[in-house]
Protein backbone atom coordinates (compact mmCIF):
# COMPACT_ATOMS: atom_id res chain seq x y z
CA MET A 1 91.17 108.51 4.77
CA SER A 2 88.70 109.07 2.27
CA ALA A 3 84.81 108.72 2.93
CA ARG A 4 83.48 104.62 2.46
CA LYS A 5 80.87 104.80 -0.81
CA ARG A 6 77.74 103.52 -0.20
CA HIS A 7 76.94 101.00 -3.40
CA GLY A 8 72.73 100.20 -3.91
CA TYR A 9 70.89 97.17 -5.15
CA ALA A 10 70.59 98.64 -9.27
CA ALA A 11 75.14 99.70 -9.30
CA CYS A 12 75.06 96.03 -7.18
CA LEU A 13 73.33 94.47 -10.21
CA LYS A 14 75.31 96.56 -13.14
CA TYR A 15 78.91 95.23 -11.48
CA MET A 16 77.68 91.93 -11.75
CA GLN A 17 76.04 92.08 -15.15
CA LEU A 18 79.65 94.12 -16.19
CA LEU A 19 81.33 90.52 -14.48
CA GLU A 20 79.28 88.16 -16.43
CA GLU A 21 79.74 89.92 -20.33
CA GLY A 22 83.76 88.83 -18.53
CA ARG A 23 84.80 91.64 -17.31
CA SER A 24 87.84 92.20 -14.55
CA LEU A 25 87.77 92.86 -10.78
CA THR A 26 90.51 95.29 -11.27
CA SER A 27 89.08 97.21 -14.13
CA ILE A 28 85.29 97.74 -12.04
CA HIS A 29 87.22 98.92 -9.13
CA ASN A 30 88.85 101.11 -10.73
CA GLU A 31 86.30 102.83 -12.67
CA TYR A 32 83.31 102.19 -9.86
CA GLY A 33 85.52 102.51 -7.01
CA ILE A 34 83.62 99.75 -4.97
CA HIS A 35 86.48 97.58 -2.90
CA LYS A 36 87.62 93.74 -5.04
CA ASP A 37 86.72 91.80 -1.77
CA GLN A 38 83.54 93.64 -1.20
CA LEU A 39 82.90 92.69 -5.39
CA HIS A 40 83.71 89.52 -4.56
CA VAL A 41 82.17 88.67 -1.88
CA LEU A 42 78.11 89.99 -4.47
CA TRP A 43 79.92 87.49 -7.63
CA GLU A 44 80.66 85.08 -5.70
CA LYS A 45 76.20 85.61 -3.91
CA TYR A 46 75.34 86.03 -6.82
CA GLN A 47 76.09 83.17 -8.35
CA LYS A 48 74.89 81.57 -5.15
CA TYR A 49 71.59 83.07 -5.27
CA GLY A 50 71.20 85.18 -8.41
CA VAL A 51 69.20 88.28 -7.74
CA VAL A 52 68.62 88.15 -3.91
CA GLY A 53 71.94 87.38 -3.25
CA LEU A 54 73.02 91.28 -3.99
CA GLN A 55 69.92 92.30 -1.68
CA LYS A 56 70.80 93.38 1.84
CA GLY A 57 70.31 90.20 3.86
CA LYS A 58 68.27 90.26 7.26
CA ASN A 59 70.12 90.93 10.88
CA ILE A 60 71.35 87.98 12.17
CA ARG A 61 71.01 87.50 16.25
CA ALA A 62 73.60 85.19 17.33
CA ASP A 63 74.46 83.41 20.19
CA PHE A 64 77.67 82.60 21.70
CA ALA A 65 77.36 78.98 19.77
CA LEU A 66 77.04 80.72 16.77
CA LYS A 67 79.75 83.37 17.37
CA ARG A 68 82.07 79.94 18.74
CA LEU A 69 81.50 77.81 15.93
CA ILE A 70 82.32 80.83 13.34
CA VAL A 71 85.31 82.05 15.48
CA LEU A 72 86.58 78.72 15.46
CA ASP A 73 86.38 77.88 12.31
CA ILE A 74 88.26 80.57 10.94
CA GLU A 75 91.21 80.29 13.33
CA LYS A 76 91.59 76.23 12.23
CA ASN A 77 90.42 76.67 8.73
CA HIS A 78 91.85 79.91 7.74
CA LEU A 79 88.76 80.60 6.45
CA THR A 80 88.73 84.61 5.12
CA LEU A 81 86.20 86.90 6.88
CA HIS A 82 84.57 86.95 3.75
CA ALA A 83 84.20 83.64 2.98
CA ALA A 84 82.77 82.86 6.63
CA SER A 85 80.24 85.77 5.94
CA LEU A 86 79.53 83.25 2.99
CA LYS A 87 78.62 80.23 4.62
CA TYR A 88 77.15 81.13 7.95
CA GLY A 89 75.21 84.58 7.13
CA ALA A 90 76.97 87.33 9.30
CA SER A 91 78.67 89.98 7.88
CA SER A 92 82.02 89.87 7.35
CA GLN A 93 82.10 93.46 9.92
CA ILE A 94 80.88 91.67 12.63
CA ILE A 95 82.76 88.72 12.23
CA SER A 96 85.45 90.75 12.31
CA VAL A 97 84.95 92.87 15.66
CA TRP A 98 83.95 88.99 17.08
CA LEU A 99 87.20 87.39 16.05
CA LYS A 100 89.68 90.49 17.79
CA LYS A 101 87.08 90.06 20.87
CA TYR A 102 88.17 86.75 20.55
CA ARG A 103 92.24 87.14 20.05
CA GLU A 104 92.42 89.16 22.80
CA SER A 105 90.08 87.76 25.84
CA GLY A 106 89.18 84.53 24.68
CA LEU A 107 86.03 83.15 24.07
CA VAL A 108 84.82 84.23 27.25
CA ALA A 109 84.73 87.89 25.13
CA LEU A 110 82.53 86.61 23.17
CA GLU A 111 79.69 85.88 25.71
CA ASN A 112 79.26 89.16 27.13
CA VAL A 113 76.41 90.96 25.72
CA LYS A 114 76.09 94.92 26.24
CA LYS A 115 72.37 94.99 26.86
CA ARG A 116 70.80 97.64 24.62
CA GLY A 117 68.19 99.99 26.11
CA ARG A 118 67.44 102.48 28.86
CA PRO A 119 68.35 100.89 32.32
CA SER A 120 65.40 99.90 34.13
CA ASP A 121 66.59 102.11 37.48
CA MET A 122 66.86 105.17 34.98
CA GLY A 123 63.85 107.24 34.88
CA ARG A 124 61.50 109.54 37.17
CA PRO A 125 60.71 107.48 41.03
CA LYS A 126 57.98 105.37 41.01
CA LYS A 127 54.34 106.69 43.09
CA ASP A 128 52.85 105.28 45.93
CA SER A 129 50.06 103.68 44.98
CA LYS A 130 48.46 104.12 48.93
CA PRO A 131 46.95 106.86 49.41
CA LEU A 132 47.81 109.25 51.68
CA THR A 133 46.85 110.11 55.22
CA GLU A 134 45.12 113.75 55.97
CA LEU A 135 48.31 114.32 57.95
CA GLU A 136 50.72 113.38 55.60
CA ARG A 137 48.78 115.40 52.18
CA LEU A 138 48.14 118.63 54.77
CA ARG A 139 52.69 118.31 55.29
CA LYS A 140 53.04 117.94 51.87
CA GLU A 141 50.76 121.04 50.65
CA VAL A 142 52.84 123.09 53.93
CA GLN A 143 56.36 121.99 51.93
CA GLU A 144 54.93 122.72 48.72
CA LEU A 145 53.85 126.31 49.48
CA LYS A 146 57.33 127.01 51.27
CA THR A 147 58.66 126.37 48.02
CA GLU A 148 56.74 128.44 46.60
CA ASN A 149 57.24 130.77 48.60
CA ALA A 150 60.86 130.90 48.63
CA LEU A 151 60.85 131.10 45.19
CA LEU A 152 58.74 135.03 44.83
CA LYS A 153 60.56 135.82 46.90
CA LYS A 154 63.56 135.29 45.38
CA VAL A 155 61.68 136.96 41.89
CA ARG A 156 60.87 139.99 44.31
CA ALA A 157 64.71 140.64 45.27
CA LEU A 158 66.25 140.10 41.62
CA VAL A 159 63.51 142.70 40.49
CA GLU A 160 64.18 145.42 43.63
CA GLU A 161 67.62 145.01 42.84
CA ARG A 162 67.66 145.61 38.97
CA ASN A 163 65.09 148.08 39.15
CA ALA A 164 67.65 149.94 42.07
CA ARG A 165 70.94 149.60 39.09
CA LEU A 166 68.01 151.27 37.10
CA ARG A 167 67.44 154.54 39.15
CA GLY A 168 71.37 154.27 40.12
CA THR A 169 71.57 154.97 35.97
CA ARG A 170 69.15 157.27 35.63
CA GLN A 171 67.14 154.87 33.66
CA GLU A 172 63.80 154.06 34.02
CA PRO A 173 62.13 151.06 34.89
CA SER A 174 60.33 148.80 32.47
CA LYS A 175 56.92 148.30 33.59
CA ASN A 176 57.22 144.58 33.21
């Protein structure tokens, strides 16, 4: 399976000029590797909108009603993905995703939208806005000191263990 080749605006404009000169979709496909269906859609956009039709369109935010309209239109009128893409302005790739969801799970699947971004309950816990009492502050400080003390004891034990190991192999411990 080969990687999908991207065709920029300049290349698409060149293909349209070749089509205007009378070249066939197949000959352009064979020479430049652009898919015939993609070339056909570009040609229709070019004929309908001119060079502006070749530029990347603005992404649409499709709500349930639009998804439903597009999917049902495709099912009822047997539209191709590319025809629906031209008619509604959505990409054929996203329409195929909606169509697959509809065929697997019905219209309800088009309504479910996964929320984007970080979940609201993720991240650091919020600090209490009320000030601590003297007793609470002292207890917190004692707990922090106990934690720090335990860490220092662990570090000292590891250093002594390393030094004992080095003495066993008759090497001098480093001064670090």
